[in-house]
N, C-alpha and C. Protein backbone atom coordinates (compact mmCIF):
# COMPACT_ATOMS: atom_id res chain seq x y z
N MET A 1 67.31 119.34 94.99
CA MET A 1 68.32 118.35 94.74
C MET A 1 68.06 117.67 93.41
N SER A 2 69.09 117.43 92.65
CA SER A 2 68.95 116.81 91.34
C SER A 2 69.44 115.37 91.38
N ASP A 3 68.71 114.50 90.68
CA ASP A 3 69.12 113.10 90.55
C ASP A 3 69.82 112.86 89.23
N ALA A 4 70.29 113.92 88.61
CA ALA A 4 70.94 113.81 87.30
C ALA A 4 72.22 112.99 87.41
N THR A 5 72.45 112.19 86.40
CA THR A 5 73.66 111.38 86.34
C THR A 5 74.85 112.30 86.05
N PRO A 6 75.94 112.12 86.79
CA PRO A 6 77.11 112.96 86.51
C PRO A 6 77.67 112.65 85.12
N PRO A 7 78.35 113.60 84.54
CA PRO A 7 78.93 113.36 83.21
C PRO A 7 79.99 112.27 83.28
N PRO A 8 80.25 111.61 82.15
CA PRO A 8 81.28 110.58 82.15
C PRO A 8 82.64 111.15 82.54
N MET A 9 83.45 110.31 83.15
CA MET A 9 84.79 110.71 83.54
C MET A 9 85.61 111.00 82.28
N ASP A 10 86.45 111.99 82.37
CA ASP A 10 87.37 112.30 81.28
C ASP A 10 88.24 111.08 80.99
N ALA A 11 88.42 110.74 79.71
CA ALA A 11 89.17 109.53 79.33
C ALA A 11 90.59 109.55 79.87
N ASP A 12 91.25 110.71 79.85
CA ASP A 12 92.62 110.79 80.37
C ASP A 12 92.66 110.48 81.87
N ARG A 13 91.65 110.94 82.59
CA ARG A 13 91.57 110.67 84.03
C ARG A 13 91.37 109.17 84.27
N LEU A 14 90.46 108.57 83.49
CA LEU A 14 90.19 107.15 83.64
C LEU A 14 91.43 106.31 83.32
N ILE A 15 92.12 106.64 82.25
CA ILE A 15 93.32 105.90 81.87
C ILE A 15 94.40 106.07 82.94
N GLY A 16 94.53 107.28 83.47
CA GLY A 16 95.50 107.51 84.54
C GLY A 16 95.19 106.69 85.78
N LEU A 17 93.92 106.63 86.15
CA LEU A 17 93.53 105.81 87.30
C LEU A 17 93.77 104.33 87.02
N ALA A 18 93.46 103.89 85.81
CA ALA A 18 93.68 102.49 85.45
C ALA A 18 95.16 102.14 85.50
N ASP A 19 95.99 103.01 84.96
CA ASP A 19 97.44 102.77 85.01
C ASP A 19 97.94 102.71 86.45
N SER A 20 97.46 103.64 87.26
CA SER A 20 97.87 103.66 88.68
C SER A 20 97.36 102.42 89.40
N TYR A 21 96.16 101.96 89.07
CA TYR A 21 95.63 100.74 89.66
C TYR A 21 96.53 99.56 89.34
N LEU A 22 96.92 99.43 88.07
CA LEU A 22 97.78 98.32 87.66
C LEU A 22 99.15 98.38 88.32
N ALA A 23 99.62 99.59 88.62
CA ALA A 23 100.92 99.76 89.26
C ALA A 23 100.81 99.70 90.79
N GLY A 24 99.59 99.58 91.32
CA GLY A 24 99.40 99.51 92.77
C GLY A 24 99.60 100.83 93.47
N ARG A 25 99.33 101.94 92.79
CA ARG A 25 99.59 103.27 93.36
C ARG A 25 98.33 104.05 93.72
N LEU A 26 97.16 103.43 93.70
CA LEU A 26 95.94 104.18 94.02
C LEU A 26 95.75 104.26 95.53
N ASP A 27 95.35 105.44 96.01
CA ASP A 27 94.95 105.55 97.41
C ASP A 27 93.46 105.18 97.50
N GLY A 28 92.94 105.17 98.68
CA GLY A 28 91.55 104.75 98.89
C GLY A 28 90.54 105.59 98.12
N ASP A 29 90.72 106.90 98.11
CA ASP A 29 89.79 107.78 97.40
C ASP A 29 89.85 107.54 95.89
N GLN A 30 91.05 107.36 95.36
CA GLN A 30 91.19 107.12 93.93
C GLN A 30 90.59 105.77 93.54
N LEU A 31 90.79 104.76 94.38
CA LEU A 31 90.22 103.45 94.11
C LEU A 31 88.70 103.52 94.10
N ALA A 32 88.14 104.24 95.06
CA ALA A 32 86.68 104.41 95.12
C ALA A 32 86.18 105.15 93.88
N GLU A 33 86.91 106.15 93.44
CA GLU A 33 86.55 106.91 92.24
C GLU A 33 86.54 105.99 91.02
N LEU A 34 87.57 105.17 90.88
CA LEU A 34 87.66 104.25 89.75
C LEU A 34 86.53 103.22 89.82
N GLU A 35 86.33 102.62 90.98
CA GLU A 35 85.28 101.61 91.13
C GLU A 35 83.91 102.18 90.82
N ASN A 36 83.62 103.39 91.29
CA ASN A 36 82.33 104.01 91.03
C ASN A 36 82.12 104.25 89.54
N GLU A 37 83.16 104.70 88.87
CA GLU A 37 83.04 104.96 87.44
C GLU A 37 82.85 103.65 86.66
N LEU A 38 83.53 102.60 87.07
CA LEU A 38 83.40 101.31 86.39
C LEU A 38 82.00 100.72 86.62
N LYS A 39 81.43 100.93 87.80
CA LYS A 39 80.08 100.45 88.07
C LYS A 39 79.05 101.21 87.25
N ARG A 40 79.31 102.48 87.05
CA ARG A 40 78.35 103.39 86.44
C ARG A 40 78.34 103.36 84.93
N SER A 41 79.48 103.08 84.32
CA SER A 41 79.61 103.32 82.88
C SER A 41 80.17 102.12 82.12
N ALA A 42 79.40 101.65 81.17
CA ALA A 42 79.88 100.57 80.29
C ALA A 42 81.07 101.05 79.46
N ALA A 43 81.05 102.30 79.04
CA ALA A 43 82.18 102.84 78.27
C ALA A 43 83.45 102.86 79.11
N ALA A 44 83.32 103.19 80.39
CA ALA A 44 84.48 103.19 81.28
C ALA A 44 85.01 101.77 81.47
N ARG A 45 84.11 100.81 81.60
CA ARG A 45 84.55 99.41 81.73
C ARG A 45 85.29 98.95 80.48
N GLN A 46 84.80 99.34 79.32
CA GLN A 46 85.47 98.98 78.06
C GLN A 46 86.86 99.61 78.00
N CYS A 47 86.95 100.88 78.35
CA CYS A 47 88.24 101.58 78.34
C CYS A 47 89.21 100.92 79.32
N PHE A 48 88.72 100.62 80.54
CA PHE A 48 89.56 99.98 81.54
C PHE A 48 90.07 98.64 81.02
N TRP A 49 89.19 97.85 80.41
CA TRP A 49 89.58 96.55 79.87
C TRP A 49 90.67 96.72 78.81
N GLU A 50 90.54 97.72 77.96
CA GLU A 50 91.54 97.97 76.92
C GLU A 50 92.89 98.34 77.53
N VAL A 51 92.88 99.12 78.59
CA VAL A 51 94.13 99.48 79.28
C VAL A 51 94.78 98.23 79.87
N VAL A 52 93.96 97.38 80.49
CA VAL A 52 94.49 96.14 81.08
C VAL A 52 95.07 95.23 80.00
N GLU A 53 94.34 95.06 78.90
CA GLU A 53 94.84 94.23 77.80
C GLU A 53 96.17 94.75 77.27
N GLN A 54 96.25 96.05 77.08
CA GLN A 54 97.48 96.65 76.57
C GLN A 54 98.63 96.42 77.55
N ALA A 55 98.37 96.54 78.84
CA ALA A 55 99.41 96.33 79.84
C ALA A 55 99.90 94.88 79.81
N VAL A 56 98.99 93.95 79.63
CA VAL A 56 99.37 92.53 79.57
C VAL A 56 100.26 92.28 78.36
N VAL A 57 99.86 92.81 77.22
CA VAL A 57 100.66 92.62 76.00
C VAL A 57 102.04 93.24 76.17
N MET A 58 102.09 94.44 76.72
CA MET A 58 103.39 95.10 76.90
C MET A 58 104.29 94.29 77.82
N ARG A 59 103.73 93.72 78.86
CA ARG A 59 104.54 92.89 79.77
C ARG A 59 105.02 91.62 79.08
N GLU A 60 104.18 91.03 78.24
CA GLU A 60 104.58 89.83 77.52
C GLU A 60 105.69 90.12 76.52
N VAL A 61 105.60 91.27 75.87
CA VAL A 61 106.57 91.61 74.83
C VAL A 61 107.87 92.15 75.42
N PHE A 62 107.77 93.00 76.44
CA PHE A 62 108.94 93.70 76.94
C PHE A 62 109.37 93.30 78.34
N GLY A 63 108.59 92.49 79.02
CA GLY A 63 108.89 92.13 80.39
C GLY A 63 109.97 91.07 80.51
N PRO A 64 110.29 90.72 81.74
CA PRO A 64 111.28 89.67 81.98
C PRO A 64 110.82 88.37 81.30
N GLY A 65 111.73 87.69 80.70
CA GLY A 65 111.42 86.44 80.03
C GLY A 65 110.93 86.59 78.61
N ALA A 66 110.76 87.82 78.15
CA ALA A 66 110.34 88.02 76.77
C ALA A 66 111.46 87.59 75.83
N GLN A 67 111.09 87.05 74.69
CA GLN A 67 112.09 86.61 73.72
C GLN A 67 112.82 87.83 73.17
N ARG A 68 114.13 87.74 73.15
CA ARG A 68 114.96 88.84 72.64
C ARG A 68 115.60 88.40 71.33
N PHE A 69 115.80 89.34 70.45
CA PHE A 69 116.41 89.07 69.16
C PHE A 69 117.73 89.81 69.05
N ASP A 70 118.68 89.20 68.43
CA ASP A 70 119.97 89.82 68.19
C ASP A 70 119.93 90.48 66.81
N PHE A 71 119.95 91.80 66.80
CA PHE A 71 119.90 92.55 65.55
C PHE A 71 121.27 93.08 65.15
N SER A 72 122.32 92.51 65.68
CA SER A 72 123.66 93.03 65.41
C SER A 72 124.13 92.75 63.99
N ASP A 73 123.61 91.74 63.34
CA ASP A 73 123.98 91.42 61.96
C ASP A 73 123.18 92.35 61.04
N SER A 74 123.79 93.45 60.62
CA SER A 74 123.06 94.47 59.86
C SER A 74 122.54 93.95 58.53
N ALA A 75 123.23 93.00 57.92
CA ALA A 75 122.76 92.46 56.65
C ALA A 75 121.42 91.74 56.85
N ARG A 76 121.31 90.99 57.91
CA ARG A 76 120.07 90.27 58.17
C ARG A 76 118.99 91.18 58.74
N SER A 77 119.37 92.18 59.52
CA SER A 77 118.36 93.04 60.14
C SER A 77 117.62 93.86 59.10
N ASP A 78 118.20 94.04 57.91
CA ASP A 78 117.52 94.76 56.85
C ASP A 78 116.48 93.89 56.15
N ASP A 79 116.54 92.60 56.36
CA ASP A 79 115.66 91.68 55.67
C ASP A 79 114.56 91.22 56.63
N PHE A 80 113.40 91.83 56.51
CA PHE A 80 112.29 91.56 57.41
C PHE A 80 111.90 90.07 57.38
N LEU A 81 111.88 89.47 56.23
CA LEU A 81 111.52 88.05 56.13
C LEU A 81 112.53 87.17 56.85
N ALA A 82 113.80 87.54 56.79
CA ALA A 82 114.82 86.77 57.50
C ALA A 82 114.59 86.86 59.00
N LEU A 83 114.20 88.04 59.49
CA LEU A 83 113.90 88.20 60.91
C LEU A 83 112.71 87.32 61.30
N LEU A 84 111.70 87.30 60.46
CA LEU A 84 110.54 86.48 60.76
C LEU A 84 110.88 85.00 60.78
N SER A 85 111.81 84.59 59.93
CA SER A 85 112.18 83.17 59.88
C SER A 85 112.90 82.75 61.16
N ASP A 86 113.44 83.70 61.91
CA ASP A 86 114.12 83.39 63.17
C ASP A 86 113.13 83.13 64.31
N LEU A 87 111.86 83.46 64.11
CA LEU A 87 110.86 83.24 65.15
C LEU A 87 110.55 81.76 65.24
N ASP A 88 110.42 81.29 66.42
CA ASP A 88 110.07 79.85 66.62
C ASP A 88 108.59 79.68 66.64
């Protein structure tokens, strides 16, 4: 029997599990897999944190209650500084 540490989880797998965790779609086995990887690997914890941060930002920018801008005035929409001046 070997006590060798298993290789790190594939980044795509970890990101997929993190996304599913945030969406509430993990089953018990998947949750255990994610928890074990987060306990085992500092790199996995960093990656998970980055996924969570990105999800929070996306919800703030695009979620309900996010500030919306009217870009229908084509003359103003071409002027980036004018758009910035509309920000409160």
